[in-house]
Amino acid sequence: LALKKTKTPQDHVHYALAASEARQGHGDKALRHLEQAIEARSKNRFFAQNDPDFRSLQKDESFRRLIRPSGKR
């Protein structure tokens, strides 16, 4: 609902949804929201690196690629 009421990217809403989905064990949904949060505000990648809400995704390669600083392989 919060995402439908605005036309501008809401990185904080996507980040919160990603954290919530990760805590519930919904990795794919969490990654989709986290990707949108990072696209809207690249600083979110650094927040996610140490956020305990994403602990369940720490070993997931897709998660690791998302939080990797730009340009690093």
PDB file of N, CA and C in Angstrom:
ATOM      1  N   LEU A   1       0.832  -1.192   0.000  1.00  0.00           N
ATOM      2  CA  LEU A   1       0.000   0.000   0.000  1.00  0.00           C
ATOM      3  C   LEU A   1       0.876   1.257   0.000  1.00  0.00           C
ATOM      4  N   ALA A   2       1.914   1.267   0.823  1.00  0.00           N
ATOM      5  CA  ALA A   2       2.785   2.442   0.873  1.00  0.00           C
ATOM      6  C   ALA A   2       3.468   2.689  -0.457  1.00  0.00           C
ATOM      7  N   LEU A   3       3.764   1.625  -1.184  1.00  0.00           N
ATOM      8  CA  LEU A   3       4.427   1.776  -2.473  1.00  0.00           C
ATOM      9  C   LEU A   3       3.470   2.266  -3.554  1.00  0.00           C
ATOM     10  N   LYS A   4       2.198   1.980  -3.425  1.00  0.00           N
ATOM     11  CA  LYS A   4       1.219   2.362  -4.432  1.00  0.00           C
ATOM     12  C   LYS A   4       0.813   3.824  -4.323  1.00  0.00           C
ATOM     13  N   LYS A   5       1.047   4.446  -3.179  1.00  0.00           N
ATOM     14  CA  LYS A   5       0.580   5.813  -2.967  1.00  0.00           C
ATOM     15  C   LYS A   5       1.578   6.875  -3.417  1.00  0.00           C
ATOM     16  N   THR A   6       2.698   6.472  -3.944  1.00  0.00           N
ATOM     17  CA  THR A   6       3.703   7.438  -4.361  1.00  0.00           C
ATOM     18  C   THR A   6       4.310   7.045  -5.703  1.00  0.00           C
ATOM     19  N   LYS A   7       4.781   8.030  -6.417  1.00  0.00           N
ATOM     20  CA  LYS A   7       5.397   7.771  -7.716  1.00  0.00           C
ATOM     21  C   LYS A   7       6.921   7.776  -7.627  1.00  0.00           C
ATOM     22  N   THR A   8       7.477   8.242  -6.529  1.00  0.00           N
ATOM     23  CA  THR A   8       8.930   8.284  -6.369  1.00  0.00           C
ATOM     24  C   THR A   8       9.416   7.013  -5.682  1.00  0.00           C
ATOM     25  N   PRO A   9      10.645   6.600  -5.984  1.00  0.00           N
ATOM     26  CA  PRO A   9      11.186   5.397  -5.337  1.00  0.00           C
ATOM     27  C   PRO A   9      11.230   5.566  -3.822  1.00  0.00           C
ATOM     28  N   GLN A  10      10.729   4.600  -3.138  1.00  0.00           N
ATOM     29  CA  GLN A  10      10.693   4.631  -1.678  1.00  0.00           C
ATOM     30  C   GLN A  10      11.662   3.589  -1.140  1.00  0.00           C
ATOM     31  N   ASP A  11      12.935   3.942  -1.117  1.00  0.00           N
ATOM     32  CA  ASP A  11      13.945   2.974  -0.736  1.00  0.00           C
ATOM     33  C   ASP A  11      13.717   2.426   0.668  1.00  0.00           C
ATOM     34  N   HIS A  12      13.289   3.276   1.595  1.00  0.00           N
ATOM     35  CA  HIS A  12      13.107   2.828   2.968  1.00  0.00           C
ATOM     36  C   HIS A  12      11.963   1.815   3.088  1.00  0.00           C
ATOM     37  N   VAL A  13      10.935   1.961   2.255  1.00  0.00           N
ATOM     38  CA  VAL A  13       9.821   1.008   2.275  1.00  0.00           C
ATOM     39  C   VAL A  13      10.299  -0.339   1.730  1.00  0.00           C
ATOM     40  N   HIS A  14      11.031  -0.304   0.616  1.00  0.00           N
ATOM     41  CA  HIS A  14      11.554  -1.553   0.049  1.00  0.00           C
ATOM     42  C   HIS A  14      12.531  -2.224   1.022  1.00  0.00           C
ATOM     43  N   TYR A  15      13.360  -1.420   1.675  1.00  0.00           N
ATOM     44  CA  TYR A  15      14.324  -1.974   2.622  1.00  0.00           C
ATOM     45  C   TYR A  15      13.590  -2.653   3.785  1.00  0.00           C
ATOM     46  N   ALA A  16      12.585  -1.997   4.315  1.00  0.00           N
ATOM     47  CA  ALA A  16      11.820  -2.570   5.423  1.00  0.00           C
ATOM     48  C   ALA A  16      11.102  -3.854   4.993  1.00  0.00           C
ATOM     49  N   LEU A  17      10.544  -3.850   3.796  1.00  0.00           N
ATOM     50  CA  LEU A  17       9.888  -5.052   3.285  1.00  0.00           C
ATOM     51  C   LEU A  17      10.899  -6.175   3.094  1.00  0.00           C
ATOM     52  N   ALA A  18      12.083  -5.848   2.601  1.00  0.00           N
ATOM     53  CA  ALA A  18      13.131  -6.853   2.421  1.00  0.00           C
ATOM     54  C   ALA A  18      13.518  -7.472   3.755  1.00  0.00           C
ATOM     55  N   ALA A  19      13.701  -6.640   4.755  1.00  0.00           N
ATOM     56  CA  ALA A  19      14.073  -7.137   6.081  1.00  0.00           C
ATOM     57  C   ALA A  19      12.971  -8.023   6.653  1.00  0.00           C
ATOM     58  N   SER A  20      11.744  -7.602   6.499  1.00  0.00           N
ATOM     59  CA  SER A  20      10.615  -8.383   7.002  1.00  0.00           C
ATOM     60  C   SER A  20      10.516  -9.737   6.302  1.00  0.00           C
ATOM     61  N   GLU A  21      10.646  -9.733   4.983  1.00  0.00           N
ATOM     62  CA  GLU A  21      10.581 -10.985   4.219  1.00  0.00           C
ATOM     63  C   GLU A  21      11.734 -11.909   4.601  1.00  0.00           C
ATOM     64  N   ALA A  22      12.915 -11.350   4.794  1.00  0.00           N
ATOM     65  CA  ALA A  22      14.071 -12.168   5.185  1.00  0.00           C
ATOM     66  C   ALA A  22      13.841 -12.813   6.548  1.00  0.00           C
ATOM     67  N   ARG A  23      13.306 -12.054   7.488  1.00  0.00           N
ATOM     68  CA  ARG A  23      13.030 -12.607   8.833  1.00  0.00           C
ATOM     69  C   ARG A  23      12.000 -13.727   8.776  1.00  0.00           C
ATOM     70  N   GLN A  24      11.097 -13.657   7.816  1.00  0.00           N
ATOM     71  CA  GLN A  24      10.054 -14.672   7.677  1.00  0.00           C
ATOM     72  C   GLN A  24      10.510 -15.865   6.843  1.00  0.00           C
ATOM     73  N   GLY A  25      11.743 -15.801   6.327  1.00  0.00           N
ATOM     74  CA  GLY A  25      12.270 -16.895   5.534  1.00  0.00           C
ATOM     75  C   GLY A  25      11.890 -16.859   4.072  1.00  0.00           C
ATOM     76  N   HIS A  26      11.431 -15.721   3.588  1.00  0.00           N
ATOM     77  CA  HIS A  26      11.046 -15.554   2.183  1.00  0.00           C
ATOM     78  C   HIS A  26      12.193 -14.895   1.430  1.00  0.00           C
ATOM     79  N   GLY A  27      13.234 -15.659   1.179  1.00  0.00           N
ATOM     80  CA  GLY A  27      14.456 -15.127   0.587  1.00  0.00           C
ATOM     81  C   GLY A  27      14.272 -14.455  -0.756  1.00  0.00           C
ATOM     82  N   ASP A  28      13.510 -15.075  -1.651  1.00  0.00           N
ATOM     83  CA  ASP A  28      13.329 -14.492  -2.989  1.00  0.00           C
ATOM     84  C   ASP A  28      12.639 -13.138  -2.933  1.00  0.00           C
ATOM     85  N   LYS A  29      11.605 -13.041  -2.116  1.00  0.00           N
ATOM     86  CA  LYS A  29      10.903 -11.765  -1.972  1.00  0.00           C
ATOM     87  C   LYS A  29      11.816 -10.721  -1.331  1.00  0.00           C
ATOM     88  N   ALA A  30      12.569 -11.158  -0.331  1.00  0.00           N
ATOM     89  CA  ALA A  30      13.495 -10.252   0.348  1.00  0.00           C
ATOM     90  C   ALA A  30      14.510  -9.690  -0.640  1.00  0.00           C
ATOM     91  N   LEU A  31      15.051 -10.555  -1.474  1.00  0.00           N
ATOM     92  CA  LEU A  31      16.054 -10.114  -2.446  1.00  0.00           C
ATOM     93  C   LEU A  31      15.479  -9.139  -3.465  1.00  0.00           C
ATOM     94  N   ARG A  32      14.250  -9.381  -3.897  1.00  0.00           N
ATOM     95  CA  ARG A  32      13.620  -8.461  -4.866  1.00  0.00           C
ATOM     96  C   ARG A  32      13.448  -7.071  -4.260  1.00  0.00           C
ATOM     97  N   HIS A  33      12.970  -7.018  -3.016  1.00  0.00           N
ATOM     98  CA  HIS A  33      12.783  -5.718  -2.365  1.00  0.00           C
ATOM     99  C   HIS A  33      14.123  -5.056  -2.063  1.00  0.00           C
ATOM    100  N   LEU A  34      15.097  -5.841  -1.647  1.00  0.00           N
ATOM    101  CA  LEU A  34      16.402  -5.270  -1.348  1.00  0.00           C
ATOM    102  C   LEU A  34      17.038  -4.707  -2.613  1.00  0.00           C
ATOM    103  N   GLU A  35      16.884  -5.400  -3.714  1.00  0.00           N
ATOM    104  CA  GLU A  35      17.427  -4.900  -4.976  1.00  0.00           C
ATOM    105  C   GLU A  35      16.797  -3.549  -5.327  1.00  0.00           C
ATOM    106  N   GLN A  36      15.499  -3.417  -5.139  1.00  0.00           N
ATOM    107  CA  GLN A  36      14.824  -2.150  -5.427  1.00  0.00           C
ATOM    108  C   GLN A  36      15.280  -1.056  -4.468  1.00  0.00           C
ATOM    109  N   ALA A  37      15.500  -1.426  -3.208  1.00  0.00           N
ATOM    110  CA  ALA A  37      15.978  -0.451  -2.222  1.00  0.00           C
ATOM    111  C   ALA A  37      17.366   0.050  -2.597  1.00  0.00           C
ATOM    112  N   ILE A  38      18.211  -0.850  -3.072  1.00  0.00           N
ATOM    113  CA  ILE A  38      19.572  -0.476  -3.459  1.00  0.00           C
ATOM    114  C   ILE A  38      19.561   0.346  -4.744  1.00  0.00           C
ATOM    115  N   GLU A  39      18.697  -0.012  -5.686  1.00  0.00           N
ATOM    116  CA  GLU A  39      18.591   0.770  -6.918  1.00  0.00           C
ATOM    117  C   GLU A  39      18.143   2.199  -6.625  1.00  0.00           C
ATOM    118  N   ALA A  40      17.258   2.357  -5.665  1.00  0.00           N
ATOM    119  CA  ALA A  40      16.750   3.690  -5.316  1.00  0.00           C
ATOM    120  C   ALA A  40      17.761   4.492  -4.503  1.00  0.00           C
ATOM    121  N   ARG A  41      18.568   3.770  -3.699  1.00  0.00           N
ATOM    122  CA  ARG A  41      19.562   4.451  -2.845  1.00  0.00           C
ATOM    123  C   ARG A  41      20.703   3.474  -2.593  1.00  0.00           C
ATOM    124  N   SER A  42      21.800   3.683  -3.247  1.00  0.00           N
ATOM    125  CA  SER A  42      22.907   2.724  -3.186  1.00  0.00           C
ATOM    126  C   SER A  42      23.455   2.512  -1.779  1.00  0.00           C
ATOM    127  N   LYS A  43      23.284   3.465  -0.902  1.00  0.00           N
ATOM    128  CA  LYS A  43      23.768   3.334   0.476  1.00  0.00           C
ATOM    129  C   LYS A  43      23.111   2.152   1.207  1.00  0.00           C
ATOM    130  N   ASN A  44      21.951   1.724   0.735  1.00  0.00           N
ATOM    131  CA  ASN A  44      21.264   0.598   1.374  1.00  0.00           C
ATOM    132  C   ASN A  44      22.079  -0.688   1.306  1.00  0.00           C
ATOM    133  N   ARG A  45      22.951  -0.816   0.299  1.00  0.00           N
ATOM    134  CA  ARG A  45      23.790  -2.011   0.213  1.00  0.00           C
ATOM    135  C   ARG A  45      24.691  -2.114   1.442  1.00  0.00           C
ATOM    136  N   PHE A  46      25.188  -0.988   1.928  1.00  0.00           N
ATOM    137  CA  PHE A  46      26.067  -0.990   3.091  1.00  0.00           C
ATOM    138  C   PHE A  46      25.293  -1.266   4.377  1.00  0.00           C
ATOM    139  N   PHE A  47      24.070  -0.760   4.457  1.00  0.00           N
ATOM    140  CA  PHE A  47      23.238  -1.044   5.630  1.00  0.00           C
ATOM    141  C   PHE A  47      22.933  -2.537   5.725  1.00  0.00           C
ATOM    142  N   ALA A  48      22.637  -3.148   4.578  1.00  0.00           N
ATOM    143  CA  ALA A  48      22.256  -4.559   4.553  1.00  0.00           C
ATOM    144  C   ALA A  48      23.416  -5.478   4.928  1.00  0.00           C
ATOM    145  N   GLN A  49      24.642  -5.036   4.691  1.00  0.00           N
ATOM    146  CA  GLN A  49      25.810  -5.881   4.978  1.00  0.00           C
ATOM    147  C   GLN A  49      25.875  -6.321   6.430  1.00  0.00           C
ATOM    148  N   ASN A  50      25.470  -5.457   7.344  1.00  0.00           N
ATOM    149  CA  ASN A  50      25.586  -5.762   8.774  1.00  0.00           C
ATOM    150  C   ASN A  50      24.245  -5.837   9.489  1.00  0.00           C
ATOM    151  N   ASP A  51      23.176  -5.824   8.743  1.00  0.00           N
ATOM    152  CA  ASP A  51      21.838  -5.849   9.334  1.00  0.00           C
ATOM    153  C   ASP A  51      21.492  -7.283   9.748  1.00  0.00           C
ATOM    154  N   PRO A  52      21.245  -7.514  11.034  1.00  0.00           N
ATOM    155  CA  PRO A  52      20.928  -8.877  11.484  1.00  0.00           C
ATOM    156  C   PRO A  52      19.646  -9.437  10.878  1.00  0.00           C
ATOM    157  N   ASP A  53      18.790  -8.589  10.345  1.00  0.00           N
ATOM    158  CA  ASP A  53      17.572  -9.073   9.700  1.00  0.00           C
ATOM    159  C   ASP A  53      17.892  -9.925   8.469  1.00  0.00           C
ATOM    160  N   PHE A  54      19.064  -9.721   7.895  1.00  0.00           N
ATOM    161  CA  PHE A  54      19.451 -10.461   6.687  1.00  0.00           C
ATOM    162  C   PHE A  54      20.395 -11.628   6.989  1.00  0.00           C
ATOM    163  N   ARG A  55      20.497 -11.994   8.231  1.00  0.00           N
ATOM    164  CA  ARG A  55      21.394 -13.089   8.636  1.00  0.00           C
ATOM    165  C   ARG A  55      21.105 -14.374   7.858  1.00  0.00           C
ATOM    166  N   SER A  56      19.841 -14.645   7.611  1.00  0.00           N
ATOM    167  CA  SER A  56      19.472 -15.885   6.904  1.00  0.00           C
ATOM    168  C   SER A  56      19.938 -15.890   5.454  1.00  0.00           C
ATOM    169  N   LEU A  57      20.287 -14.734   4.923  1.00  0.00           N
ATOM    170  CA  LEU A  57      20.701 -14.629   3.524  1.00  0.00           C
ATOM    171  C   LEU A  57      22.210 -14.469   3.350  1.00  0.00           C
ATOM    172  N   GLN A  58      22.951 -14.439   4.434  1.00  0.00           N
ATOM    173  CA  GLN A  58      24.388 -14.161   4.371  1.00  0.00           C
ATOM    174  C   GLN A  58      25.160 -15.073   3.427  1.00  0.00           C
ATOM    175  N   LYS A  59      24.742 -16.319   3.295  1.00  0.00           N
ATOM    176  CA  LYS A  59      25.463 -17.265   2.438  1.00  0.00           C
ATOM    177  C   LYS A  59      24.865 -17.375   1.040  1.00  0.00           C
ATOM    178  N   ASP A  60      23.781 -16.679   0.799  1.00  0.00           N
ATOM    179  CA  ASP A  60      23.127 -16.700  -0.505  1.00  0.00           C
ATOM    180  C   ASP A  60      23.935 -15.859  -1.491  1.00  0.00           C
ATOM    181  N   GLU A  61      24.332 -16.454  -2.606  1.00  0.00           N
ATOM    182  CA  GLU A  61      25.172 -15.759  -3.587  1.00  0.00           C
ATOM    183  C   GLU A  61      24.467 -14.530  -4.173  1.00  0.00           C
ATOM    184  N   SER A  62      23.166 -14.606  -4.379  1.00  0.00           N
ATOM    185  CA  SER A  62      22.431 -13.447  -4.896  1.00  0.00           C
ATOM    186  C   SER A  62      22.492 -12.284  -3.914  1.00  0.00           C
ATOM    187  N   PHE A  63      22.356 -12.575  -2.641  1.00  0.00           N
ATOM    188  CA  PHE A  63      22.456 -11.546  -1.606  1.00  0.00           C
ATOM    189  C   PHE A  63      23.864 -10.956  -1.593  1.00  0.00           C
ATOM    190  N   ARG A  64      24.852 -11.824  -1.667  1.00  0.00           N
ATOM    191  CA  ARG A  64      26.234 -11.363  -1.618  1.00  0.00           C
ATOM    192  C   ARG A  64      26.571 -10.461  -2.798  1.00  0.00           C
ATOM    193  N   ARG A  65      26.011 -10.778  -3.967  1.00  0.00           N
ATOM    194  CA  ARG A  65      26.223  -9.919  -5.135  1.00  0.00           C
ATOM    195  C   ARG A  65      25.555  -8.556  -4.943  1.00  0.00           C
ATOM    196  N   LEU A  66      24.367  -8.565  -4.348  1.00  0.00           N
ATOM    197  CA  LEU A  66      23.643  -7.308  -4.134  1.00  0.00           C
ATOM    198  C   LEU A  66      24.388  -6.365  -3.188  1.00  0.00           C
ATOM    199  N   ILE A  67      24.962  -6.918  -2.135  1.00  0.00           N
ATOM    200  CA  ILE A  67      25.584  -6.047  -1.130  1.00  0.00           C
ATOM    201  C   ILE A  67      27.040  -5.723  -1.447  1.00  0.00           C
ATOM    202  N   ARG A  68      27.586  -6.369  -2.468  1.00  0.00           N
ATOM    203  CA  ARG A  68      28.963  -6.101  -2.872  1.00  0.00           C
ATOM    204  C   ARG A  68      29.035  -4.680  -3.417  1.00  0.00           C
ATOM    205  N   PRO A  69      30.036  -3.931  -2.964  1.00  0.00           N
ATOM    206  CA  PRO A  69      30.187  -2.562  -3.490  1.00  0.00           C
ATOM    207  C   PRO A  69      30.306  -2.572  -5.005  1.00  0.00           C
ATOM    208  N   SER A  70      29.782  -1.572  -5.639  1.00  0.00           N
ATOM    209  CA  SER A  70      29.814  -1.451  -7.097  1.00  0.00           C
ATOM    210  C   SER A  70      31.239  -1.573  -7.614  1.00  0.00           C
ATOM    211  N   GLY A  71      31.369  -2.322  -8.703  1.00  0.00           N
ATOM    212  CA  GLY A  71      32.669  -2.467  -9.325  1.00  0.00           C
ATOM    213  C   GLY A  71      33.506  -3.591  -8.761  1.00  0.00           C
ATOM    214  N   LYS A  72      33.118  -4.181  -7.653  1.00  0.00           N
ATOM    215  CA  LYS A  72      33.885  -5.290  -7.047  1.00  0.00           C
ATOM    216  C   LYS A  72      33.313  -6.602  -7.547  1.00  0.00           C
ATOM    217  N   ARG A  73      34.182  -7.556  -7.771  1.00  0.00           N
ATOM    218  CA  ARG A  73      33.745  -8.882  -8.224  1.00  0.00           C
ATOM    219  C   ARG A  73      34.062  -9.924  -7.215  1.00  0.00           C
TER     220      ARG A  73
END
